[in-house]
Protein backbone atom coordinates (compact mmCIF):
# COMPACT_ATOMS: atom_id res chain seq x y z
CA UNK A 1 -98.86 -6.17 -109.17
CA UNK A 2 -98.90 -7.02 -112.86
CA UNK A 3 -101.27 -6.97 -115.81
CA UNK A 4 -101.13 -8.54 -119.27
CA UNK A 5 -102.90 -8.20 -122.58
CA UNK A 6 -105.30 -10.83 -123.94
CA UNK A 7 -107.16 -11.06 -127.24
CA UNK A 8 -110.39 -12.53 -125.88
CA UNK A 9 -113.11 -9.91 -125.55
CA UNK A 10 -114.13 -11.05 -122.09
CA UNK A 11 -110.61 -11.53 -120.77
CA UNK A 12 -109.92 -9.93 -117.39
CA UNK A 13 -106.47 -9.04 -118.73
CA UNK A 14 -107.49 -7.21 -121.90
CA UNK A 15 -106.17 -3.81 -123.01
CA UNK A 16 -102.83 -4.18 -121.26
CA UNK A 17 -99.24 -4.29 -122.37
CA UNK A 18 -97.21 -7.45 -122.17
CA UNK A 19 -96.22 -6.78 -118.57
CA UNK A 20 -96.72 -3.62 -116.56
CA UNK A 21 -96.60 -2.72 -112.91
CA UNK A 22 -99.09 -0.55 -111.08
CA UNK A 23 -98.05 2.74 -109.55
CA UNK A 24 -100.07 3.28 -106.41
CA UNK A 25 -99.10 5.98 -103.95
CA UNK A 26 -98.30 4.80 -100.44
CA UNK A 27 -101.13 5.71 -98.09
CA UNK A 28 -99.30 4.96 -94.88
CA UNK A 29 -96.67 2.66 -93.45
CA UNK A 30 -96.46 1.42 -89.90
CA UNK A 31 -94.67 -1.40 -88.11
CA UNK A 32 -97.17 -3.89 -86.73
CA UNK A 33 -94.97 -6.41 -84.94
CA UNK A 34 -91.41 -7.64 -84.46
CA UNK A 35 -92.40 -10.89 -86.15
CA UNK A 36 -92.80 -11.26 -89.92
CA UNK A 37 -96.32 -11.25 -91.36
CA UNK A 38 -97.57 -14.64 -92.54
CA UNK A 39 -101.04 -14.06 -94.06
CA UNK A 40 -103.26 -11.04 -94.81
CA UNK A 41 -106.97 -11.02 -95.66
CA UNK A 42 -109.32 -8.07 -96.23
CA UNK A 43 -112.98 -8.24 -95.28
CA UNK A 44 -115.81 -7.74 -97.81
CA UNK A 45 -115.65 -3.94 -98.03
CA UNK A 46 -111.86 -3.82 -97.40
CA UNK A 47 -112.41 -1.68 -94.31
CA UNK A 48 -110.64 -4.21 -92.10
CA UNK A 49 -107.57 -6.36 -92.62
CA UNK A 50 -106.66 -9.40 -90.56
CA UNK A 51 -102.93 -10.10 -90.34
CA UNK A 52 -101.36 -13.25 -88.88
CA UNK A 53 -97.71 -13.38 -87.88
CA UNK A 54 -95.04 -16.07 -87.61
CA UNK A 55 -95.08 -15.83 -83.80
CA UNK A 56 -98.73 -16.98 -83.79
CA UNK A 57 -100.28 -13.59 -83.10
CA UNK A 58 -103.16 -11.98 -84.97
CA UNK A 59 -104.07 -8.33 -85.50
CA UNK A 60 -107.20 -6.67 -86.84
CA UNK A 61 -106.29 -3.46 -88.67
CA UNK A 62 -108.40 -0.54 -89.86
CA UNK A 63 -107.38 0.11 -93.46
CA UNK A 64 -108.34 3.78 -93.30
CA UNK A 65 -105.28 4.89 -91.34
CA UNK A 66 -103.66 1.64 -90.33
CA UNK A 67 -104.90 1.70 -86.74
CA UNK A 68 -104.54 -1.55 -84.81
CA UNK A 69 -108.02 -2.23 -83.50
CA UNK A 70 -107.31 -5.59 -81.86
CA UNK A 71 -104.16 -7.50 -80.98
CA UNK A 72 -104.60 -11.18 -80.19
CA UNK A 73 -102.02 -13.62 -78.86
CA UNK A 74 -102.93 -16.23 -76.25
CA UNK A 75 -101.09 -19.26 -74.87
CA UNK A 76 -102.51 -21.58 -77.55
CA UNK A 77 -101.29 -19.41 -80.42
CA UNK A 78 -97.72 -20.71 -80.72
CA UNK A 79 -97.69 -21.38 -84.49
CA UNK A 80 -98.81 -19.00 -87.26
CA UNK A 81 -102.45 -18.92 -88.31
CA UNK A 82 -101.88 -20.22 -91.83
CA UNK A 83 -104.99 -18.90 -93.57
CA UNK A 84 -107.80 -16.45 -92.81
CA UNK A 85 -111.36 -16.00 -94.09
CA UNK A 86 -113.89 -13.24 -93.37
CA UNK A 87 -117.55 -14.17 -93.40
CA UNK A 88 -119.23 -12.36 -96.33
CA UNK A 89 -121.41 -9.53 -95.04
CA UNK A 90 -123.25 -6.56 -96.50
CA UNK A 91 -123.17 -4.84 -93.12
CA UNK A 92 -119.99 -2.75 -92.98
CA UNK A 93 -120.05 -2.23 -89.21
CA UNK A 94 -117.23 -3.80 -87.22
CA UNK A 95 -119.70 -5.46 -84.86
CA UNK A 96 -121.09 -7.58 -87.73
CA UNK A 97 -117.71 -8.96 -88.86
CA UNK A 98 -116.64 -12.56 -88.28
CA UNK A 99 -113.26 -14.10 -89.01
CA UNK A 100 -112.07 -17.70 -89.19
CA UNK A 101 -108.45 -18.84 -89.18
CA UNK A 102 -106.81 -22.18 -90.02
CA UNK A 103 -104.28 -23.67 -87.60
CA UNK A 104 -101.60 -26.34 -87.82
CA UNK A 105 -102.99 -28.41 -84.93
CA UNK A 106 -106.23 -29.40 -86.66
CA UNK A 107 -108.21 -26.55 -85.13
CA UNK A 108 -109.54 -23.21 -86.28
CA UNK A 109 -109.95 -19.89 -84.53
CA UNK A 110 -113.06 -17.73 -84.66
CA UNK A 111 -113.10 -14.00 -83.95
CA UNK A 112 -115.89 -11.43 -83.71
CA UNK A 113 -115.82 -7.90 -82.32
CA UNK A 114 -117.41 -9.28 -79.15
CA UNK A 115 -114.25 -11.33 -78.58
CA UNK A 116 -112.19 -8.11 -78.58
CA UNK A 117 -108.56 -9.17 -78.02
CA UNK A 118 -109.33 -12.87 -77.71
CA UNK A 119 -110.38 -15.67 -80.07
CA UNK A 120 -112.38 -18.87 -79.79
CA UNK A 121 -110.39 -22.06 -80.40
CA UNK A 122 -112.38 -24.87 -82.06
CA UNK A 123 -110.90 -28.33 -82.61
CA UNK A 124 -112.06 -29.95 -85.86
CA UNK A 125 -109.71 -32.78 -86.88
CA UNK A 126 -106.70 -34.00 -84.89
CA UNK A 127 -105.30 -35.69 -88.02
CA UNK A 128 -105.03 -32.41 -89.92
CA UNK A 129 -102.54 -29.59 -90.18
CA UNK A 130 -104.66 -26.93 -91.85
CA UNK A 131 -103.19 -24.65 -94.52
CA UNK A 132 -106.33 -23.22 -96.15
CA UNK A 133 -109.78 -21.98 -95.15
CA UNK A 134 -112.57 -20.09 -96.93
CA UNK A 135 -116.22 -19.13 -96.43
CA UNK A 136 -118.90 -20.04 -98.93
CA UNK A 137 -120.89 -17.23 -100.50
CA UNK A 138 -124.03 -18.59 -98.81
CA UNK A 139 -122.35 -17.60 -95.48
CA UNK A 140 -123.40 -20.91 -93.90
CA UNK A 141 -120.48 -23.16 -94.83
CA UNK A 142 -116.72 -23.01 -94.86
CA UNK A 143 -114.05 -25.30 -96.30
CA UNK A 144 -110.69 -26.28 -94.80
CA UNK A 145 -107.80 -28.38 -96.09
CA UNK A 146 -104.21 -29.19 -95.31
CA UNK A 147 -101.97 -32.21 -94.96
CA UNK A 148 -104.68 -34.85 -95.34
CA UNK A 149 -105.76 -35.91 -98.88
CA UNK A 150 -109.26 -34.50 -98.58
CA UNK A 151 -111.18 -31.23 -98.33
CA UNK A 152 -113.62 -30.73 -95.46
CA UNK A 153 -116.76 -28.60 -95.57
CA UNK A 154 -118.39 -27.53 -92.29
CA UNK A 155 -121.61 -25.88 -91.21
CA UNK A 156 -120.33 -22.77 -89.43
CA UNK A 157 -123.19 -22.39 -86.93
CA UNK A 158 -123.13 -26.01 -85.75
CA UNK A 159 -119.40 -26.56 -86.40
CA UNK A 160 -120.21 -29.96 -87.85
CA UNK A 161 -118.71 -31.50 -90.97
CA UNK A 162 -121.38 -31.72 -93.66
CA UNK A 163 -119.29 -32.87 -96.62
CA UNK A 164 -115.91 -34.27 -97.54
CA UNK A 165 -114.27 -34.20 -100.96
CA UNK A 166 -111.81 -37.06 -101.41
CA UNK A 167 -110.48 -39.67 -99.01
CA UNK A 168 -107.40 -41.85 -98.61
CA UNK A 169 -108.58 -44.27 -101.30
CA UNK A 170 -109.63 -41.59 -103.82
CA UNK A 171 -107.72 -38.51 -102.67
CA UNK A 172 -108.61 -34.97 -103.64
CA UNK A 173 -104.83 -34.43 -103.83
CA UNK A 174 -101.78 -36.58 -103.24
CA UNK A 175 -99.78 -33.95 -101.34
CA UNK A 176 -100.38 -30.97 -99.06
CA UNK A 177 -103.34 -28.81 -100.05
CA UNK A 178 -102.32 -25.16 -99.76
CA UNK A 179 -105.43 -23.50 -101.11
CA UNK A 180 -109.13 -24.30 -101.21
CA UNK A 181 -111.77 -21.70 -101.81
CA UNK A 182 -115.34 -21.30 -102.94
CA UNK A 183 -115.97 -19.40 -106.16
CA UNK A 184 -117.94 -16.25 -105.18
CA UNK A 185 -119.61 -16.12 -108.61
CA UNK A 186 -120.45 -19.84 -108.60
CA UNK A 187 -121.04 -20.89 -104.97
CA UNK A 188 -121.21 -24.58 -105.84
CA UNK A 189 -117.72 -24.53 -107.39
CA UNK A 190 -114.72 -25.06 -105.16
CA UNK A 191 -111.12 -24.77 -106.34
CA UNK A 192 -108.11 -26.39 -104.69
CA UNK A 193 -104.37 -26.41 -105.34
CA UNK A 194 -101.58 -28.56 -103.99
CA UNK A 195 -97.90 -29.43 -104.00
CA UNK A 196 -98.89 -32.36 -106.23
CA UNK A 197 -98.91 -29.95 -109.23
CA UNK A 198 -102.69 -30.20 -109.54
CA UNK A 199 -105.25 -27.38 -109.56
CA UNK A 200 -108.73 -28.83 -109.38
CA UNK A 201 -112.22 -27.39 -109.75
CA UNK A 202 -114.91 -29.31 -107.85
CA UNK A 203 -118.68 -29.49 -108.24
CA UNK A 204 -119.78 -29.32 -104.61
CA UNK A 205 -123.36 -30.43 -105.32
CA UNK A 206 -122.23 -33.61 -107.08
CA UNK A 207 -119.14 -34.01 -104.86
CA UNK A 208 -116.96 -34.72 -107.88
CA UNK A 209 -114.15 -33.27 -109.96
CA UNK A 210 -115.33 -31.00 -112.75
CA UNK A 211 -112.16 -29.78 -114.52
CA UNK A 212 -108.48 -29.57 -113.61
CA UNK A 213 -105.10 -28.09 -114.51
CA UNK A 214 -102.98 -31.19 -114.16
CA UNK A 215 -99.24 -31.48 -113.64
CA UNK A 216 -98.45 -27.92 -114.73
CA UNK A 217 -98.17 -25.77 -111.64
CA UNK A 218 -97.03 -26.52 -108.10
CA UNK A 219 -99.10 -24.59 -105.56
CA UNK A 220 -97.34 -23.63 -102.33
CA UNK A 221 -99.67 -20.95 -100.95
CA UNK A 222 -102.91 -19.13 -101.73
CA UNK A 223 -101.95 -19.42 -105.38
CA UNK A 224 -105.22 -19.82 -107.32
CA UNK A 225 -108.02 -17.38 -108.09
CA UNK A 226 -110.97 -17.17 -110.49
CA UNK A 227 -111.88 -14.01 -112.42
CA UNK A 228 -115.08 -12.06 -111.83
CA UNK A 229 -116.40 -13.09 -115.27
CA UNK A 230 -115.85 -16.71 -114.22
CA UNK A 231 -114.01 -17.63 -117.44
CA UNK A 232 -110.39 -17.34 -116.30
CA UNK A 233 -108.17 -18.59 -113.53
CA UNK A 234 -104.79 -17.29 -112.41
CA UNK A 235 -102.19 -19.53 -110.78
CA UNK A 236 -98.97 -18.76 -108.98
CA UNK A 237 -96.29 -21.41 -109.31
CA UNK A 238 -93.88 -22.77 -106.76
CA UNK A 239 -90.50 -24.41 -107.11
CA UNK A 240 -90.89 -25.35 -110.80
CA UNK A 241 -90.40 -21.74 -111.93
CA UNK A 242 -93.88 -21.51 -113.46
CA UNK A 243 -94.51 -17.99 -112.21
CA UNK A 244 -97.91 -16.38 -112.81
CA UNK A 245 -100.09 -17.95 -115.50
CA UNK A 246 -103.55 -17.10 -116.82
CA UNK A 247 -105.85 -19.98 -117.86
CA UNK A 248 -109.05 -20.02 -119.87
CA UNK A 249 -111.39 -22.34 -117.95
CA UNK A 250 -113.02 -23.35 -121.24
CA UNK A 251 -109.68 -24.53 -122.71
CA UNK A 252 -107.21 -25.74 -120.11
CA UNK A 253 -104.70 -27.48 -122.37
CA UNK A 254 -102.21 -24.64 -121.89
CA UNK A 255 -102.18 -21.18 -120.32
CA UNK A 256 -103.33 -18.26 -122.43
CA UNK A 257 -100.64 -16.10 -120.85
CA UNK A 258 -97.41 -16.64 -118.93
CA UNK A 259 -96.00 -13.63 -117.14
CA UNK A 260 -92.21 -13.40 -117.41
CA UNK A 261 -90.45 -11.54 -114.62
CA UNK A 262 -86.99 -11.46 -116.16
CA UNK A 263 -84.71 -13.23 -118.65
CA UNK A 264 -81.16 -14.34 -117.90
CA UNK A 265 -78.22 -13.56 -120.17
CA UNK A 266 -78.42 -17.07 -121.63
CA UNK A 267 -82.10 -16.58 -122.48
CA UNK A 268 -83.54 -18.63 -119.61
CA UNK A 269 -86.77 -17.32 -118.10
CA UNK A 270 -86.46 -16.35 -114.44
CA UNK A 271 -89.60 -16.35 -112.30
CA UNK A 272 -89.83 -15.96 -108.53
CA UNK A 273 -91.67 -18.41 -106.31
CA UNK A 274 -95.23 -17.08 -106.30
CA UNK A 275 -97.02 -17.72 -103.01
CA UNK A 276 -100.25 -15.84 -103.65
CA UNK A 277 -102.24 -14.50 -106.59
CA UNK A 278 -105.54 -12.69 -106.86
CA UNK A 279 -107.62 -10.94 -109.50
CA UNK A 280 -108.50 -7.40 -108.44
CA UNK A 281 -112.34 -7.42 -108.57
CA UNK A 282 -113.75 -5.70 -111.67
CA UNK A 283 -110.29 -4.48 -112.68
CA UNK A 284 -107.82 -5.59 -115.38
CA UNK A 285 -105.21 -6.37 -112.74
CA UNK A 286 -103.68 -9.39 -111.06
CA UNK A 287 -101.89 -9.05 -107.73
CA UNK A 288 -99.09 -11.49 -106.96
CA UNK A 289 -97.12 -12.08 -103.78
CA UNK A 290 -93.66 -13.50 -104.48
CA UNK A 291 -90.42 -14.43 -102.80
CA UNK A 292 -87.44 -12.09 -103.17
CA UNK A 293 -85.28 -14.81 -104.75
């Protein structure tokens, strides 16, 4: 986890040194599975964590002590659930929680406490291999995206597609879409990132592109997030060595901050492949998930 200093008064990164790392004490540590973890997502109040694994299994964990509440792995779960999204809820009880997961066969899974150690499998689009999913703040819609050049928006109750951003003629992206998410502070803004080195911010009401970060960062995971003040975005770069970068959404010509992990003896900047980034809500911190290389 890293934080940086910015001059702007409203910057989510203000009052920090050039690069610092947080020092949290370990609350607990427990082995969850023999398979490596693929994706982790906390629910609204962070009381529950959903963890998908490379073997296709899914676990629901209590974050208080790390207890495994539910373990899910049926015959259809042969590939990892690539992305997870909790339905926003003000009710903290486990019974009110709902989880969606994106799958590589063009389907999604849906879990509630009533499902216990099972999930509902819902086929959406046989042409897709989904890599990203997210709930809208209005709790009625969710978006999914993957290998096809468009972003799909569905009504969650009816499980019917209500909107599509992009198509094969005018694609939302020209390569795999690894992240798409609604902006919690601006529910009609959707952000997407792809291997095509494009990060794009969409106006959902007008179904059109609003602003973009073009050709400057290759997204290969859940590598885009928007700050709570809604003025900044953070991106995590892929194979181009971009690393973590902070962008002012009002001036996207260049990043306002590039985080440097290390510098080689010859002066070259060395950054890991960053698969995931996220602003810590209401804090001057950015959390980044990186490769070890």
